[in-house]
All heavy atoms as atom14 arrays in JSON, in Angstrom:
{
  "sequence": "GARLMKDSRTTRLVETTMLVDGRPTSVVYKRFNRKKWIDP",
  "atom14_mask": [
    [1, 1, 1, 1, 0, 0, 0, 0, 0, 0, 0, 0, 0, 0],
    [1, 1, 1, 1, 1, 0, 0, 0, 0, 0, 0, 0, 0, 0],
    [1, 1, 1, 1, 1, 1, 1, 1, 1, 1, 1, 0, 0, 0],
    [1, 1, 1, 1, 1, 1, 1, 1, 0, 0, 0, 0, 0, 0],
    [1, 1, 1, 1, 1, 1, 1, 1, 0, 0, 0, 0, 0, 0],
    [1, 1, 1, 1, 1, 1, 1, 1, 1, 0, 0, 0, 0, 0],
    [1, 1, 1, 1, 1, 1, 1, 1, 0, 0, 0, 0, 0, 0],
    [1, 1, 1, 1, 1, 1, 0, 0, 0, 0, 0, 0, 0, 0],
    [1, 1, 1, 1, 1, 1, 1, 1, 1, 1, 1, 0, 0, 0],
    [1, 1, 1, 1, 1, 1, 1, 0, 0, 0, 0, 0, 0, 0],
    [1, 1, 1, 1, 1, 1, 1, 0, 0, 0, 0, 0, 0, 0],
    [1, 1, 1, 1, 1, 1, 1, 1, 1, 1, 1, 0, 0, 0],
    [1, 1, 1, 1, 1, 1, 1, 1, 0, 0, 0, 0, 0, 0],
    [1, 1, 1, 1, 1, 1, 1, 0, 0, 0, 0, 0, 0, 0],
    [1, 1, 1, 1, 1, 1, 1, 1, 1, 0, 0, 0, 0, 0],
    [1, 1, 1, 1, 1, 1, 1, 0, 0, 0, 0, 0, 0, 0],
    [1, 1, 1, 1, 1, 1, 1, 0, 0, 0, 0, 0, 0, 0],
    [1, 1, 1, 1, 1, 1, 1, 1, 0, 0, 0, 0, 0, 0],
    [1, 1, 1, 1, 1, 1, 1, 1, 0, 0, 0, 0, 0, 0],
    [1, 1, 1, 1, 1, 1, 1, 0, 0, 0, 0, 0, 0, 0],
    [1, 1, 1, 1, 1, 1, 1, 1, 0, 0, 0, 0, 0, 0],
    [1, 1, 1, 1, 0, 0, 0, 0, 0, 0, 0, 0, 0, 0],
    [1, 1, 1, 1, 1, 1, 1, 1, 1, 1, 1, 0, 0, 0],
    [1, 1, 1, 1, 1, 1, 1, 0, 0, 0, 0, 0, 0, 0],
    [1, 1, 1, 1, 1, 1, 1, 0, 0, 0, 0, 0, 0, 0],
    [1, 1, 1, 1, 1, 1, 0, 0, 0, 0, 0, 0, 0, 0],
    [1, 1, 1, 1, 1, 1, 1, 0, 0, 0, 0, 0, 0, 0],
    [1, 1, 1, 1, 1, 1, 1, 0, 0, 0, 0, 0, 0, 0],
    [1, 1, 1, 1, 1, 1, 1, 1, 1, 1, 1, 1, 0, 0],
    [1, 1, 1, 1, 1, 1, 1, 1, 1, 0, 0, 0, 0, 0],
    [1, 1, 1, 1, 1, 1, 1, 1, 1, 1, 1, 0, 0, 0],
    [1, 1, 1, 1, 1, 1, 1, 1, 1, 1, 1, 0, 0, 0],
    [1, 1, 1, 1, 1, 1, 1, 1, 0, 0, 0, 0, 0, 0],
    [1, 1, 1, 1, 1, 1, 1, 1, 1, 1, 1, 0, 0, 0],
    [1, 1, 1, 1, 1, 1, 1, 1, 1, 0, 0, 0, 0, 0],
    [1, 1, 1, 1, 1, 1, 1, 1, 1, 0, 0, 0, 0, 0],
    [1, 1, 1, 1, 1, 1, 1, 1, 1, 1, 1, 1, 1, 1],
    [1, 1, 1, 1, 1, 1, 1, 1, 0, 0, 0, 0, 0, 0],
    [1, 1, 1, 1, 1, 1, 1, 1, 0, 0, 0, 0, 0, 0],
    [1, 1, 1, 1, 1, 1, 1, 0, 0, 0, 0, 0, 0, 0]
  ],
  "atom14_positions": [
    [[-4.26, 7.61, -10.55], [-5.44, 7.49, -9.68], [-5.04, 7.04, -8.35], [-6.0, 6.93, -7.52], [0.0, 0.0, 0.0], [0.0, 0.0, 0.0], [0.0, 0.0, 0.0], [0.0, 0.0, 0.0], [0.0, 0.0, 0.0], [0.0, 0.0, 0.0], [0.0, 0.0, 0.0], [0.0, 0.0, 0.0], [0.0, 0.0, 0.0], [0.0, 0.0, 0.0]],
    [[-3.84, 6.68, -8.08], [-3.56, 6.17, -6.71], [-3.64, 7.32, -5.72], [-3.09, 8.41, -5.96], [-2.1, 5.59, -6.63], [0.0, 0.0, 0.0], [0.0, 0.0, 0.0], [0.0, 0.0, 0.0], [0.0, 0.0, 0.0], [0.0, 0.0, 0.0], [0.0, 0.0, 0.0], [0.0, 0.0, 0.0], [0.0, 0.0, 0.0], [0.0, 0.0, 0.0]],
    [[-4.28, 7.09, -4.62], [-4.52, 8.16, -3.57], [-3.75, 7.83, -2.36], [-4.0, 6.72, -1.71], [-5.99, 8.29, -3.27], [-6.37, 9.46, -2.21], [-7.81, 9.48, -2.06], [-8.41, 8.34, -1.34], [-8.42, 8.24, -0.02], [-7.96, 9.21, 0.75], [-8.98, 7.15, 0.51], [0.0, 0.0, 0.0], [0.0, 0.0, 0.0], [0.0, 0.0, 0.0]],
    [[-2.79, 8.66, -1.87], [-2.09, 8.44, -0.67], [-2.93, 8.46, 0.58], [-3.61, 9.61, 0.74], [-0.91, 9.42, -0.62], [0.11, 9.22, 0.54], [0.86, 7.91, 0.31], [1.11, 10.38, 0.63], [0.0, 0.0, 0.0], [0.0, 0.0, 0.0], [0.0, 0.0, 0.0], [0.0, 0.0, 0.0], [0.0, 0.0, 0.0], [0.0, 0.0, 0.0]],
    [[-2.91, 7.48, 1.39], [-3.64, 7.38, 2.58], [-2.82, 7.64, 3.86], [-3.24, 8.26, 4.85], [-4.46, 6.1, 2.74], [-5.37, 5.79, 1.59], [-6.0, 4.03, 1.65], [-7.05, 4.18, 3.21], [0.0, 0.0, 0.0], [0.0, 0.0, 0.0], [0.0, 0.0, 0.0], [0.0, 0.0, 0.0], [0.0, 0.0, 0.0], [0.0, 0.0, 0.0]],
    [[-1.57, 7.18, 3.8], [-0.65, 7.32, 4.94], [0.78, 7.15, 4.45], [0.96, 6.33, 3.64], [-1.0, 6.25, 6.0], [-0.07, 6.27, 7.29], [-0.54, 5.06, 8.17], [0.38, 5.13, 9.44], [0.06, 4.04, 10.45], [0.0, 0.0, 0.0], [0.0, 0.0, 0.0], [0.0, 0.0, 0.0], [0.0, 0.0, 0.0], [0.0, 0.0, 0.0]],
    [[1.67, 7.97, 5.04], [3.04, 7.85, 4.72], [3.86, 8.15, 6.04], [3.93, 9.33, 6.36], [3.4, 8.82, 3.59], [4.81, 8.5, 3.08], [5.45, 7.52, 3.51], [5.26, 9.24, 2.13], [0.0, 0.0, 0.0], [0.0, 0.0, 0.0], [0.0, 0.0, 0.0], [0.0, 0.0, 0.0], [0.0, 0.0, 0.0], [0.0, 0.0, 0.0]],
    [[4.38, 7.09, 6.67], [5.04, 7.29, 7.89], [6.42, 6.58, 7.82], [6.76, 5.9, 6.82], [4.26, 6.78, 9.15], [4.08, 5.4, 9.04], [0.0, 0.0, 0.0], [0.0, 0.0, 0.0], [0.0, 0.0, 0.0], [0.0, 0.0, 0.0], [0.0, 0.0, 0.0], [0.0, 0.0, 0.0], [0.0, 0.0, 0.0], [0.0, 0.0, 0.0]],
    [[7.16, 6.51, 8.97], [8.44, 5.87, 8.97], [8.31, 4.33, 8.8], [9.15, 3.66, 8.29], [9.12, 6.23, 10.31], [10.49, 5.63, 10.49], [11.13, 5.93, 11.77], [10.34, 5.4, 12.88], [10.62, 4.17, 13.41], [11.54, 3.39, 12.92], [9.9, 3.7, 14.38], [0.0, 0.0, 0.0], [0.0, 0.0, 0.0], [0.0, 0.0, 0.0]],
    [[7.1, 3.82, 9.27], [6.94, 2.38, 9.32], [6.14, 1.84, 8.1], [6.36, 0.72, 7.71], [6.29, 1.93, 10.57], [5.0, 2.58, 10.78], [7.22, 2.29, 11.79], [0.0, 0.0, 0.0], [0.0, 0.0, 0.0], [0.0, 0.0, 0.0], [0.0, 0.0, 0.0], [0.0, 0.0, 0.0], [0.0, 0.0, 0.0], [0.0, 0.0, 0.0]],
    [[5.22, 2.62, 7.64], [4.31, 2.13, 6.61], [3.93, 3.21, 5.6], [4.02, 4.43, 5.92], [2.97, 1.54, 7.2], [2.34, 2.57, 7.94], [3.17, 0.34, 8.01], [0.0, 0.0, 0.0], [0.0, 0.0, 0.0], [0.0, 0.0, 0.0], [0.0, 0.0, 0.0], [0.0, 0.0, 0.0], [0.0, 0.0, 0.0], [0.0, 0.0, 0.0]],
    [[3.56, 2.78, 4.45], [2.96, 3.66, 3.38], [1.79, 3.05, 2.76], [1.84, 1.81, 2.37], [4.07, 3.99, 2.33], [3.59, 5.03, 1.35], [4.6, 5.39, 0.3], [4.26, 6.69, -0.4], [4.79, 7.01, -1.51], [5.68, 6.21, -2.12], [4.43, 8.11, -2.13], [0.0, 0.0, 0.0], [0.0, 0.0, 0.0], [0.0, 0.0, 0.0]],
    [[0.67, 3.71, 2.72], [-0.61, 3.1, 2.15], [-1.21, 4.03, 1.0], [-1.09, 5.24, 1.14], [-1.68, 3.09, 3.21], [-1.65, 2.01, 4.24], [-0.63, 2.19, 5.29], [-3.0, 1.78, 4.91], [0.0, 0.0, 0.0], [0.0, 0.0, 0.0], [0.0, 0.0, 0.0], [0.0, 0.0, 0.0], [0.0, 0.0, 0.0], [0.0, 0.0, 0.0]],
    [[-1.6, 3.38, 0.01], [-2.34, 4.05, -1.07], [-3.57, 3.31, -1.38], [-3.65, 2.1, -1.21], [-1.52, 4.25, -2.39], [-0.27, 5.18, -2.07], [-1.04, 2.86, -2.92], [0.0, 0.0, 0.0], [0.0, 0.0, 0.0], [0.0, 0.0, 0.0], [0.0, 0.0, 0.0], [0.0, 0.0, 0.0], [0.0, 0.0, 0.0], [0.0, 0.0, 0.0]],
    [[-4.58, 4.03, -1.85], [-5.8, 3.46, -2.36], [-5.66, 3.44, -3.9], [-5.46, 4.52, -4.44], [-6.98, 4.13, -1.93], [-8.28, 3.56, -2.44], [-9.65, 4.35, -2.11], [-9.44, 5.25, -1.31], [-10.68, 4.1, -2.79], [0.0, 0.0, 0.0], [0.0, 0.0, 0.0], [0.0, 0.0, 0.0], [0.0, 0.0, 0.0], [0.0, 0.0, 0.0]],
    [[-5.87, 2.25, -4.55], [-5.77, 2.17, -5.97], [-6.84, 1.2, -6.5], [-7.64, 0.67, -5.7], [-4.38, 1.77, -6.39], [-4.29, 1.8, -7.81], [-4.04, 0.33, -5.94], [0.0, 0.0, 0.0], [0.0, 0.0, 0.0], [0.0, 0.0, 0.0], [0.0, 0.0, 0.0], [0.0, 0.0, 0.0], [0.0, 0.0, 0.0], [0.0, 0.0, 0.0]],
    [[-6.84, 0.97, -7.81], [-7.85, 0.11, -8.35], [-7.16, -1.06, -9.02], [-6.2, -0.94, -9.74], [-8.73, 0.79, -9.37], [-9.36, 1.9, -8.75], [-9.8, -0.08, -9.94], [0.0, 0.0, 0.0], [0.0, 0.0, 0.0], [0.0, 0.0, 0.0], [0.0, 0.0, 0.0], [0.0, 0.0, 0.0], [0.0, 0.0, 0.0], [0.0, 0.0, 0.0]],
    [[-7.64, -2.32, -8.74], [-7.17, -3.56, -9.38], [-8.39, -4.41, -9.81], [-9.41, -4.22, -9.31], [-6.2, -4.25, -8.43], [-4.95, -3.59, -8.1], [-3.81, -4.65, -7.17], [-2.41, -3.6, -7.04], [0.0, 0.0, 0.0], [0.0, 0.0, 0.0], [0.0, 0.0, 0.0], [0.0, 0.0, 0.0], [0.0, 0.0, 0.0], [0.0, 0.0, 0.0]],
    [[-8.05, -5.3, -10.71], [-9.03, -6.22, -11.22], [-9.17, -7.36, -10.16], [-8.24, -8.16, -9.92], [-8.71, -6.83, -12.5], [-9.0, -6.0, -13.72], [-8.56, -6.64, -15.05], [-10.43, -5.65, -13.86], [0.0, 0.0, 0.0], [0.0, 0.0, 0.0], [0.0, 0.0, 0.0], [0.0, 0.0, 0.0], [0.0, 0.0, 0.0], [0.0, 0.0, 0.0]],
    [[-10.33, -7.51, -9.53], [-10.63, -8.51, -8.57], [-11.89, -9.15, -8.98], [-12.94, -8.59, -9.11], [-10.75, -7.94, -7.08], [-11.06, -9.08, -6.15], [-9.55, -7.13, -6.69], [0.0, 0.0, 0.0], [0.0, 0.0, 0.0], [0.0, 0.0, 0.0], [0.0, 0.0, 0.0], [0.0, 0.0, 0.0], [0.0, 0.0, 0.0], [0.0, 0.0, 0.0]],
    [[-11.72, -10.52, -9.12], [-12.85, -11.34, -9.61], [-13.48, -10.75, -10.92], [-14.7, -10.8, -11.14], [-13.9, -11.4, -8.49], [-14.81, -12.67, -8.63], [-14.44, -13.58, -9.32], [-15.94, -12.65, -8.01], [0.0, 0.0, 0.0], [0.0, 0.0, 0.0], [0.0, 0.0, 0.0], [0.0, 0.0, 0.0], [0.0, 0.0, 0.0], [0.0, 0.0, 0.0]],
    [[-12.58, -10.29, -11.79], [-13.02, -9.71, -13.09], [-13.58, -8.34, -13.1], [-14.01, -7.85, -14.14], [0.0, 0.0, 0.0], [0.0, 0.0, 0.0], [0.0, 0.0, 0.0], [0.0, 0.0, 0.0], [0.0, 0.0, 0.0], [0.0, 0.0, 0.0], [0.0, 0.0, 0.0], [0.0, 0.0, 0.0], [0.0, 0.0, 0.0], [0.0, 0.0, 0.0]],
    [[-13.63, -7.74, -11.92], [-14.2, -6.36, -11.83], [-13.16, -5.34, -11.26], [-12.49, -5.71, -10.25], [-15.45, -6.34, -11.0], [-16.59, -7.23, -11.52], [-17.81, -7.02, -10.64], [-17.63, -7.43, -9.26], [-17.72, -8.65, -8.83], [-18.18, -9.61, -9.67], [-17.51, -8.9, -7.56], [0.0, 0.0, 0.0], [0.0, 0.0, 0.0], [0.0, 0.0, 0.0]],
    [[-13.1, -4.16, -11.74], [-12.32, -3.15, -11.09], [-12.72, -2.9, -9.68], [-13.93, -2.55, -9.44], [-12.46, -1.85, -12.02], [-13.04, -2.37, -13.27], [-13.86, -3.62, -12.94], [0.0, 0.0, 0.0], [0.0, 0.0, 0.0], [0.0, 0.0, 0.0], [0.0, 0.0, 0.0], [0.0, 0.0, 0.0], [0.0, 0.0, 0.0], [0.0, 0.0, 0.0]],
    [[-11.78, -2.94, -8.68], [-12.24, -2.86, -7.29], [-11.16, -2.05, -6.62], [-9.97, -2.07, -6.87], [-12.19, -4.34, -6.7], [-13.03, -5.21, -7.44], [-12.54, -4.29, -5.18], [0.0, 0.0, 0.0], [0.0, 0.0, 0.0], [0.0, 0.0, 0.0], [0.0, 0.0, 0.0], [0.0, 0.0, 0.0], [0.0, 0.0, 0.0], [0.0, 0.0, 0.0]],
    [[-11.72, -1.16, -5.6], [-10.81, -0.39, -4.82], [-9.97, -1.32, -3.83], [-10.68, -2.08, -3.13], [-11.53, 0.69, -4.09], [-12.16, 1.64, -4.97], [0.0, 0.0, 0.0], [0.0, 0.0, 0.0], [0.0, 0.0, 0.0], [0.0, 0.0, 0.0], [0.0, 0.0, 0.0], [0.0, 0.0, 0.0], [0.0, 0.0, 0.0], [0.0, 0.0, 0.0]],
    [[-8.74, -1.13, -3.8], [-7.91, -1.91, -2.88], [-6.97, -0.99, -2.12], [-6.69, 0.15, -2.54], [-7.11, -2.97, -3.66], [-7.99, -3.92, -4.41], [-6.04, -2.38, -4.47], [0.0, 0.0, 0.0], [0.0, 0.0, 0.0], [0.0, 0.0, 0.0], [0.0, 0.0, 0.0], [0.0, 0.0, 0.0], [0.0, 0.0, 0.0], [0.0, 0.0, 0.0]],
    [[-6.45, -1.49, -0.96], [-5.53, -0.81, -0.17], [-4.12, -1.48, -0.42], [-4.05, -2.71, -0.15], [-5.87, -0.7, 1.27], [-4.74, 0.0, 2.13], [-7.2, 0.0, 1.49], [0.0, 0.0, 0.0], [0.0, 0.0, 0.0], [0.0, 0.0, 0.0], [0.0, 0.0, 0.0], [0.0, 0.0, 0.0], [0.0, 0.0, 0.0], [0.0, 0.0, 0.0]],
    [[-3.12, -0.78, -0.85], [-1.87, -1.28, -1.11], [-0.9, -0.77, 0.0], [-0.68, 0.43, 0.11], [-1.28, -0.9, -2.49], [-0.08, -1.61, -2.93], [-0.11, -3.01, -3.37], [1.18, -1.04, -2.84], [1.01, -3.64, -3.72], [2.33, -1.79, -3.27], [2.2, -3.04, -3.67], [3.38, -3.69, -4.09], [0.0, 0.0, 0.0], [0.0, 0.0, 0.0]],
    [[-0.33, -1.66, 0.86], [0.39, -1.25, 2.0], [1.81, -1.74, 1.99], [2.0, -2.97, 1.77], [-0.29, -1.71, 3.28], [0.34, -1.29, 4.6], [-0.51, -1.82, 5.76], [0.04, -1.34, 7.05], [-0.9, -1.77, 8.2], [0.0, 0.0, 0.0], [0.0, 0.0, 0.0], [0.0, 0.0, 0.0], [0.0, 0.0, 0.0], [0.0, 0.0, 0.0]],
    [[2.77, -0.87, 2.15], [4.14, -1.28, 2.2], [4.6, -1.17, 3.7], [4.43, -0.13, 4.36], [5.1, -0.33, 1.35], [6.51, -0.79, 1.31], [7.37, 0.17, 0.42], [7.46, 1.49, 1.0], [7.9, 2.54, 0.37], [8.22, 2.35, -0.99], [7.97, 3.71, 0.85], [0.0, 0.0, 0.0], [0.0, 0.0, 0.0], [0.0, 0.0, 0.0]],
    [[5.25, -2.19, 4.12], [5.87, -2.2, 5.49], [7.34, -1.84, 5.27], [8.1, -2.67, 4.8], [5.69, -3.61, 6.11], [4.28, -3.95, 6.45], [3.43, -4.38, 5.44], [3.69, -3.77, 7.76], [2.11, -4.7, 5.7], [2.46, -4.1, 7.99], [1.61, -4.59, 6.97], [0.0, 0.0, 0.0], [0.0, 0.0, 0.0], [0.0, 0.0, 0.0]],
    [[7.66, -0.64, 5.7], [9.07, -0.21, 5.52], [10.03, -0.92, 6.57], [9.59, -1.32, 7.66], [9.17, 1.34, 5.78], [8.36, 2.05, 4.84], [8.15, 1.63, 3.64], [7.81, 3.18, 5.14], [0.0, 0.0, 0.0], [0.0, 0.0, 0.0], [0.0, 0.0, 0.0], [0.0, 0.0, 0.0], [0.0, 0.0, 0.0], [0.0, 0.0, 0.0]],
    [[11.28, -1.01, 6.11], [12.26, -1.54, 7.09], [12.53, -0.46, 8.17], [12.88, 0.64, 7.94], [13.59, -1.83, 6.41], [13.56, -3.16, 5.48], [14.83, -3.31, 4.87], [15.17, -2.31, 3.99], [16.35, -1.78, 3.8], [17.37, -2.15, 4.59], [16.59, -0.81, 2.86], [0.0, 0.0, 0.0], [0.0, 0.0, 0.0], [0.0, 0.0, 0.0]],
    [[12.38, -0.93, 9.46], [12.63, 0.0, 10.57], [14.17, 0.1, 10.83], [14.72, 1.1, 11.13], [11.93, -0.48, 11.83], [10.41, -0.43, 11.75], [9.86, -0.89, 13.13], [8.38, -0.82, 13.14], [7.83, -1.3, 14.46], [0.0, 0.0, 0.0], [0.0, 0.0, 0.0], [0.0, 0.0, 0.0], [0.0, 0.0, 0.0], [0.0, 0.0, 0.0]],
    [[14.87, -1.09, 10.64], [16.27, -1.21, 10.92], [16.93, -1.95, 9.74], [16.29, -2.69, 9.1], [16.59, -1.79, 12.23], [15.9, -1.15, 13.48], [16.14, -1.92, 14.69], [15.42, -1.27, 15.93], [15.57, -2.07, 17.14], [0.0, 0.0, 0.0], [0.0, 0.0, 0.0], [0.0, 0.0, 0.0], [0.0, 0.0, 0.0], [0.0, 0.0, 0.0]],
    [[18.22, -1.79, 9.66], [18.92, -2.46, 8.55], [18.98, -4.01, 8.74], [19.06, -4.76, 7.8], [20.34, -1.95, 8.49], [21.22, -2.28, 9.7], [21.39, -1.65, 10.79], [21.96, -3.53, 9.93], [22.16, -2.29, 11.73], [22.53, -3.46, 11.18], [22.13, -4.71, 9.14], [23.33, -4.46, 11.69], [22.96, -5.75, 9.67], [23.53, -5.62, 10.94]],
    [[18.8, -4.41, 10.01], [18.85, -5.87, 10.32], [17.47, -6.57, 10.14], [17.46, -7.78, 10.21], [19.35, -6.02, 11.79], [19.94, -7.46, 11.92], [18.22, -5.81, 12.8], [20.59, -7.71, 13.27], [0.0, 0.0, 0.0], [0.0, 0.0, 0.0], [0.0, 0.0, 0.0], [0.0, 0.0, 0.0], [0.0, 0.0, 0.0], [0.0, 0.0, 0.0]],
    [[16.42, -5.84, 9.83], [15.08, -6.34, 9.7], [15.05, -7.59, 8.69], [14.45, -8.57, 8.91], [14.09, -5.31, 9.31], [13.65, -4.5, 10.55], [14.03, -4.86, 11.65], [12.94, -3.57, 10.36], [0.0, 0.0, 0.0], [0.0, 0.0, 0.0], [0.0, 0.0, 0.0], [0.0, 0.0, 0.0], [0.0, 0.0, 0.0], [0.0, 0.0, 0.0]],
    [[15.7, -7.4, 7.43], [15.64, -8.57, 6.54], [16.33, -9.86, 7.11], [15.82, -10.97, 6.83], [16.4, -8.08, 5.37], [16.32, -6.57, 5.41], [16.37, -6.26, 6.92], [0.0, 0.0, 0.0], [0.0, 0.0, 0.0], [0.0, 0.0, 0.0], [0.0, 0.0, 0.0], [0.0, 0.0, 0.0], [0.0, 0.0, 0.0], [0.0, 0.0, 0.0]]
  ]
}
């Protein structure tokens, strides 16, 4: 059920569902990609 919202060189976003305060809630899960090898 995860829905892709954005996929670029710098970030990737999906909308998914997680339990928040005991209730299924739509959330945005965002990954910040490494731009350069030295970023870490």
